[in-house]
């Protein structure tokens, strides 16, 4: 039997879609992201560098709480 995952923290980068003539689409990074976790954490839209720090801090805090 596999181990149960208490927290699954995911960082989603946000892109902007730009449709061009002929139907092809370009995905342009916005520099923003959202961090979400199964525990209910939702950072809202924040700069990518801040999102990475939020995700790291949340994973570390969740790991320390399990010990």
PDB file of N, CA and C in Angstrom:
ATOM      1  N   UNK A   1       0.837  -1.163   0.000  1.00  0.00           N
ATOM      2  CA  UNK A   1       0.000   0.000   0.000  1.00  0.00           C
ATOM      3  C   UNK A   1       0.894   1.243   0.000  1.00  0.00           C
ATOM      4  N   UNK A   2       0.559   2.262  -0.830  1.00  0.00           N
ATOM      5  CA  UNK A   2       1.359   3.473  -0.925  1.00  0.00           C
ATOM      6  C   UNK A   2       1.119   4.411   0.238  1.00  0.00           C
ATOM      7  N   UNK A   3       2.037   5.341   0.430  1.00  0.00           N
ATOM      8  CA  UNK A   3       1.915   6.326   1.503  1.00  0.00           C
ATOM      9  C   UNK A   3       0.895   7.398   1.120  1.00  0.00           C
ATOM     10  N   UNK A   4       0.173   7.879   2.105  1.00  0.00           N
ATOM     11  CA  UNK A   4      -0.798   8.938   1.867  1.00  0.00           C
ATOM     12  C   UNK A   4      -0.090  10.288   1.833  1.00  0.00           C
ATOM     13  N   UNK A   5      -0.432  11.107   0.863  1.00  0.00           N
ATOM     14  CA  UNK A   5       0.166  12.432   0.745  1.00  0.00           C
ATOM     15  C   UNK A   5      -0.759  13.431   1.432  1.00  0.00           C
ATOM     16  N   UNK A   6      -0.251  14.076   2.480  1.00  0.00           N
ATOM     17  CA  UNK A   6      -1.060  15.054   3.212  1.00  0.00           C
ATOM     18  C   UNK A   6      -1.151  16.374   2.456  1.00  0.00           C
ATOM     19  N   UNK A   7      -0.051  16.790   1.865  1.00  0.00           N
ATOM     20  CA  UNK A   7      -0.006  18.063   1.153  1.00  0.00           C
ATOM     21  C   UNK A   7       0.576  17.826  -0.235  1.00  0.00           C
ATOM     22  N   UNK A   8      -0.131  18.277  -1.234  1.00  0.00           N
ATOM     23  CA  UNK A   8       0.386  18.260  -2.601  1.00  0.00           C
ATOM     24  C   UNK A   8       0.389  19.708  -3.062  1.00  0.00           C
ATOM     25  N   UNK A   9       1.535  20.368  -2.933  1.00  0.00           N
ATOM     26  CA  UNK A   9       1.663  21.779  -3.266  1.00  0.00           C
ATOM     27  C   UNK A   9       2.082  21.919  -4.724  1.00  0.00           C
ATOM     28  N   UNK A  10       1.345  22.725  -5.480  1.00  0.00           N
ATOM     29  CA  UNK A  10       1.612  22.889  -6.910  1.00  0.00           C
ATOM     30  C   UNK A  10       1.745  24.373  -7.220  1.00  0.00           C
ATOM     31  N   UNK A  11       2.751  24.703  -8.019  1.00  0.00           N
ATOM     32  CA  UNK A  11       2.971  26.071  -8.467  1.00  0.00           C
ATOM     33  C   UNK A  11       2.573  26.117  -9.942  1.00  0.00           C
ATOM     34  N   UNK A  12       1.617  26.958 -10.299  1.00  0.00           N
ATOM     35  CA  UNK A  12       1.150  27.095 -11.673  1.00  0.00           C
ATOM     36  C   UNK A  12       1.647  28.419 -12.240  1.00  0.00           C
ATOM     37  N   UNK A  13       2.484  28.358 -13.292  1.00  0.00           N
ATOM     38  CA  UNK A  13       2.874  29.577 -13.990  1.00  0.00           C
ATOM     39  C   UNK A  13       1.716  30.061 -14.840  1.00  0.00           C
ATOM     40  N   UNK A  14       1.542  31.358 -14.959  1.00  0.00           N
ATOM     41  CA  UNK A  14       0.431  31.928 -15.722  1.00  0.00           C
ATOM     42  C   UNK A  14       0.964  32.461 -17.049  1.00  0.00           C
ATOM     43  N   UNK A  15       0.292  32.067 -18.122  1.00  0.00           N
ATOM     44  CA  UNK A  15       0.659  32.556 -19.448  1.00  0.00           C
ATOM     45  C   UNK A  15      -0.493  33.351 -20.038  1.00  0.00           C
ATOM     46  N   UNK A  16      -0.149  34.145 -21.035  1.00  0.00           N
ATOM     47  CA  UNK A  16      -1.140  34.941 -21.758  1.00  0.00           C
ATOM     48  C   UNK A  16      -1.173  34.378 -23.175  1.00  0.00           C
ATOM     49  N   UNK A  17      -2.368  34.069 -23.669  1.00  0.00           N
ATOM     50  CA  UNK A  17      -2.505  33.535 -25.016  1.00  0.00           C
ATOM     51  C   UNK A  17      -2.633  34.675 -26.018  1.00  0.00           C
ATOM     52  N   UNK A  18      -1.877  34.568 -27.088  1.00  0.00           N
ATOM     53  CA  UNK A  18      -1.910  35.574 -28.132  1.00  0.00           C
ATOM     54  C   UNK A  18      -2.213  34.845 -29.438  1.00  0.00           C
ATOM     55  N   UNK A  19      -3.421  35.035 -29.985  1.00  0.00           N
ATOM     56  CA  UNK A  19      -3.814  34.358 -31.214  1.00  0.00           C
ATOM     57  C   UNK A  19      -3.388  35.197 -32.412  1.00  0.00           C
ATOM     58  N   UNK A  20      -2.783  34.525 -33.377  1.00  0.00           N
ATOM     59  CA  UNK A  20      -2.290  35.194 -34.584  1.00  0.00           C
ATOM     60  C   UNK A  20      -3.139  34.811 -35.790  1.00  0.00           C
ATOM     61  N   UNK A  21      -3.000  35.572 -36.859  1.00  0.00           N
ATOM     62  CA  UNK A  21      -3.698  35.239 -38.101  1.00  0.00           C
ATOM     63  C   UNK A  21      -3.288  33.837 -38.531  1.00  0.00           C
ATOM     64  N   UNK A  22      -4.216  33.089 -39.040  1.00  0.00           N
ATOM     65  CA  UNK A  22      -3.930  31.720 -39.439  1.00  0.00           C
ATOM     66  C   UNK A  22      -4.269  30.729 -38.327  1.00  0.00           C
ATOM     67  N   UNK A  23      -4.618  31.248 -37.140  1.00  0.00           N
ATOM     68  CA  UNK A  23      -5.079  30.382 -36.067  1.00  0.00           C
ATOM     69  C   UNK A  23      -4.032  29.869 -35.099  1.00  0.00           C
ATOM     70  N   UNK A  24      -2.744  30.162 -35.307  1.00  0.00           N
ATOM     71  CA  UNK A  24      -1.761  29.650 -34.351  1.00  0.00           C
ATOM     72  C   UNK A  24      -1.727  30.542 -33.108  1.00  0.00           C
ATOM     73  N   UNK A  25      -1.405  29.920 -31.985  1.00  0.00           N
ATOM     74  CA  UNK A  25      -1.454  30.597 -30.688  1.00  0.00           C
ATOM     75  C   UNK A  25      -0.067  30.624 -30.062  1.00  0.00           C
ATOM     76  N   UNK A  26       0.292  31.759 -29.522  1.00  0.00           N
ATOM     77  CA  UNK A  26       1.569  31.947 -28.820  1.00  0.00           C
ATOM     78  C   UNK A  26       1.256  32.075 -27.331  1.00  0.00           C
ATOM     79  N   UNK A  27       1.995  31.330 -26.511  1.00  0.00           N
ATOM     80  CA  UNK A  27       1.817  31.394 -25.059  1.00  0.00           C
ATOM     81  C   UNK A  27       2.957  32.214 -24.482  1.00  0.00           C
ATOM     82  N   UNK A  28       2.616  33.350 -23.929  1.00  0.00           N
ATOM     83  CA  UNK A  28       3.601  34.306 -23.437  1.00  0.00           C
ATOM     84  C   UNK A  28       3.594  34.308 -21.904  1.00  0.00           C
ATOM     85  N   UNK A  29       4.738  34.056 -21.263  1.00  0.00           N
ATOM     86  CA  UNK A  29       4.773  34.085 -19.799  1.00  0.00           C
ATOM     87  C   UNK A  29       4.451  35.484 -19.269  1.00  0.00           C
ATOM     88  N   UNK A  30       3.713  35.541 -18.173  1.00  0.00           N
ATOM     89  CA  UNK A  30       3.349  36.831 -17.583  1.00  0.00           C
ATOM     90  C   UNK A  30       4.261  37.213 -16.421  1.00  0.00           C
ATOM     91  N   UNK A  31       5.048  36.240 -15.933  1.00  0.00           N
ATOM     92  CA  UNK A  31       5.880  36.510 -14.767  1.00  0.00           C
ATOM     93  C   UNK A  31       5.113  36.325 -13.469  1.00  0.00           C
ATOM     94  N   UNK A  32       3.872  35.846 -13.563  1.00  0.00           N
ATOM     95  CA  UNK A  32       3.041  35.622 -12.388  1.00  0.00           C
ATOM     96  C   UNK A  32       2.714  34.142 -12.246  1.00  0.00           C
ATOM     97  N   UNK A  33       2.321  33.756 -11.054  1.00  0.00           N
ATOM     98  CA  UNK A  33       1.986  32.362 -10.778  1.00  0.00           C
ATOM     99  C   UNK A  33       1.007  32.291  -9.616  1.00  0.00           C
ATOM    100  N   UNK A  34       0.482  31.083  -9.403  1.00  0.00           N
ATOM    101  CA  UNK A  34      -0.409  30.805  -8.285  1.00  0.00           C
ATOM    102  C   UNK A  34       0.103  29.549  -7.596  1.00  0.00           C
ATOM    103  N   UNK A  35       0.123  29.544  -6.269  1.00  0.00           N
ATOM    104  CA  UNK A  35       0.496  28.357  -5.500  1.00  0.00           C
ATOM    105  C   UNK A  35      -0.767  27.817  -4.850  1.00  0.00           C
ATOM    106  N   UNK A  36      -1.019  26.510  -5.049  1.00  0.00           N
ATOM    107  CA  UNK A  36      -2.181  25.870  -4.426  1.00  0.00           C
ATOM    108  C   UNK A  36      -1.742  24.579  -3.766  1.00  0.00           C
ATOM    109  N   UNK A  37      -2.434  24.221  -2.686  1.00  0.00           N
ATOM    110  CA  UNK A  37      -2.129  22.996  -1.959  1.00  0.00           C
ATOM    111  C   UNK A  37      -3.437  22.308  -1.581  1.00  0.00           C
ATOM    112  N   UNK A  38      -3.364  20.999  -1.427  1.00  0.00           N
ATOM    113  CA  UNK A  38      -4.545  20.233  -1.039  1.00  0.00           C
ATOM    114  C   UNK A  38      -5.043  20.609   0.358  1.00  0.00           C
ATOM    115  N   UNK A  39      -4.224  21.280   1.152  1.00  0.00           N
ATOM    116  CA  UNK A  39      -4.650  21.688   2.499  1.00  0.00           C
ATOM    117  C   UNK A  39      -5.538  22.927   2.466  1.00  0.00           C
ATOM    118  N   UNK A  40      -5.647  23.568   1.294  1.00  0.00           N
ATOM    119  CA  UNK A  40      -6.472  24.763   1.167  1.00  0.00           C
ATOM    120  C   UNK A  40      -5.693  26.026   0.857  1.00  0.00           C
ATOM    121  N   UNK A  41      -4.368  25.965   0.885  1.00  0.00           N
ATOM    122  CA  UNK A  41      -3.551  27.136   0.557  1.00  0.00           C
ATOM    123  C   UNK A  41      -3.837  27.573  -0.878  1.00  0.00           C
ATOM    124  N   UNK A  42      -4.069  28.862  -1.076  1.00  0.00           N
ATOM    125  CA  UNK A  42      -4.213  29.458  -2.404  1.00  0.00           C
ATOM    126  C   UNK A  42      -3.607  30.850  -2.303  1.00  0.00           C
ATOM    127  N   UNK A  43      -2.440  31.031  -2.918  1.00  0.00           N
ATOM    128  CA  UNK A  43      -1.707  32.290  -2.785  1.00  0.00           C
ATOM    129  C   UNK A  43      -2.352  33.443  -3.538  1.00  0.00           C
ATOM    130  N   UNK A  44      -3.241  33.139  -4.482  1.00  0.00           N
ATOM    131  CA  UNK A  44      -3.710  34.178  -5.387  1.00  0.00           C
ATOM    132  C   UNK A  44      -2.591  34.457  -6.384  1.00  0.00           C
ATOM    133  N   UNK A  45      -2.771  35.409  -7.255  1.00  0.00           N
ATOM    134  CA  UNK A  45      -1.773  35.719  -8.279  1.00  0.00           C
ATOM    135  C   UNK A  45      -0.657  36.547  -7.648  1.00  0.00           C
ATOM    136  N   UNK A  46       0.578  36.022  -7.743  1.00  0.00           N
ATOM    137  CA  UNK A  46       1.758  36.685  -7.184  1.00  0.00           C
ATOM    138  C   UNK A  46       2.896  36.586  -8.199  1.00  0.00           C
ATOM    139  N   UNK A  47       3.955  37.402  -8.060  1.00  0.00           N
ATOM    140  CA  UNK A  47       5.113  37.264  -8.936  1.00  0.00           C
ATOM    141  C   UNK A  47       5.708  35.852  -8.822  1.00  0.00           C
ATOM    142  N   UNK A  48       6.241  35.310  -9.943  1.00  0.00           N
ATOM    143  CA  UNK A  48       6.777  33.945  -9.934  1.00  0.00           C
ATOM    144  C   UNK A  48       7.831  33.728  -8.856  1.00  0.00           C
ATOM    145  N   UNK A  49       8.719  34.700  -8.644  1.00  0.00           N
ATOM    146  CA  UNK A  49       9.769  34.537  -7.625  1.00  0.00           C
ATOM    147  C   UNK A  49       9.159  34.409  -6.236  1.00  0.00           C
ATOM    148  N   UNK A  50       8.108  35.156  -5.973  1.00  0.00           N
ATOM    149  CA  UNK A  50       7.429  35.071  -4.681  1.00  0.00           C
ATOM    150  C   UNK A  50       6.683  33.741  -4.565  1.00  0.00           C
ATOM    151  N   UNK A  51       6.089  33.274  -5.661  1.00  0.00           N
ATOM    152  CA  UNK A  51       5.360  32.001  -5.652  1.00  0.00           C
ATOM    153  C   UNK A  51       6.295  30.847  -5.327  1.00  0.00           C
ATOM    154  N   UNK A  52       7.496  30.863  -5.891  1.00  0.00           N
ATOM    155  CA  UNK A  52       8.463  29.805  -5.606  1.00  0.00           C
ATOM    156  C   UNK A  52       8.815  29.793  -4.131  1.00  0.00           C
ATOM    157  N   UNK A  53       8.978  30.959  -3.530  1.00  0.00           N
ATOM    158  CA  UNK A  53       9.299  31.049  -2.105  1.00  0.00           C
ATOM    159  C   UNK A  53       8.122  30.577  -1.249  1.00  0.00           C
ATOM    160  N   UNK A  54       6.905  30.949  -1.630  1.00  0.00           N
ATOM    161  CA  UNK A  54       5.709  30.513  -0.898  1.00  0.00           C
ATOM    162  C   UNK A  54       5.616  28.993  -0.922  1.00  0.00           C
ATOM    163  N   UNK A  55       5.823  28.388  -2.095  1.00  0.00           N
ATOM    164  CA  UNK A  55       5.747  26.925  -2.228  1.00  0.00           C
ATOM    165  C   UNK A  55       6.810  26.246  -1.379  1.00  0.00           C
ATOM    166  N   UNK A  56       8.050  26.741  -1.431  1.00  0.00           N
ATOM    167  CA  UNK A  56       9.135  26.159  -0.627  1.00  0.00           C
ATOM    168  C   UNK A  56       8.847  26.275   0.865  1.00  0.00           C
ATOM    169  N   UNK A  57       8.417  27.457   1.295  1.00  0.00           N
ATOM    170  CA  UNK A  57       8.108  27.672   2.711  1.00  0.00           C
ATOM    171  C   UNK A  57       6.966  26.763   3.164  1.00  0.00           C
ATOM    172  N   UNK A  58       5.955  26.614   2.328  1.00  0.00           N
ATOM    173  CA  UNK A  58       4.800  25.790   2.689  1.00  0.00           C
ATOM    174  C   UNK A  58       5.191  24.316   2.795  1.00  0.00           C
ATOM    175  N   UNK A  59       5.991  23.836   1.840  1.00  0.00           N
ATOM    176  CA  UNK A  59       6.447  22.437   1.894  1.00  0.00           C
ATOM    177  C   UNK A  59       7.270  22.188   3.155  1.00  0.00           C
ATOM    178  N   UNK A  60       8.169  23.130   3.477  1.00  0.00           N
ATOM    179  CA  UNK A  60       9.018  22.984   4.649  1.00  0.00           C
ATOM    180  C   UNK A  60       8.183  22.996   5.930  1.00  0.00           C
ATOM    181  N   UNK A  61       7.228  23.916   6.031  1.00  0.00           N
ATOM    182  CA  UNK A  61       6.364  23.999   7.206  1.00  0.00           C
ATOM    183  C   UNK A  61       5.523  22.730   7.360  1.00  0.00           C
ATOM    184  N   UNK A  62       4.985  22.225   6.251  1.00  0.00           N
ATOM    185  CA  UNK A  62       4.184  20.991   6.297  1.00  0.00           C
ATOM    186  C   UNK A  62       5.039  19.806   6.725  1.00  0.00           C
ATOM    187  N   UNK A  63       6.279  19.738   6.242  1.00  0.00           N
ATOM    188  CA  UNK A  63       7.182  18.633   6.608  1.00  0.00           C
ATOM    189  C   UNK A  63       7.540  18.699   8.091  1.00  0.00           C
ATOM    190  N   UNK A  64       7.793  19.908   8.598  1.00  0.00           N
ATOM    191  CA  UNK A  64       8.136  20.063  10.012  1.00  0.00           C
ATOM    192  C   UNK A  64       6.958  19.700  10.910  1.00  0.00           C
ATOM    193  N   UNK A  65       5.737  19.980  10.457  1.00  0.00           N
ATOM    194  CA  UNK A  65       4.547  19.664  11.252  1.00  0.00           C
ATOM    195  C   UNK A  65       4.328  18.162  11.355  1.00  0.00           C
ATOM    196  N   UNK A  66       4.804  17.400  10.369  1.00  0.00           N
ATOM    197  CA  UNK A  66       4.634  15.948  10.399  1.00  0.00           C
ATOM    198  C   UNK A  66       5.610  15.270  11.334  1.00  0.00           C
ATOM    199  N   UNK A  67       6.696  15.952  11.695  1.00  0.00           N
ATOM    200  CA  UNK A  67       7.725  15.326  12.539  1.00  0.00           C
ATOM    201  C   UNK A  67       7.354  15.366  13.993  1.00  0.00           C
TER     202      UNK A  67
END
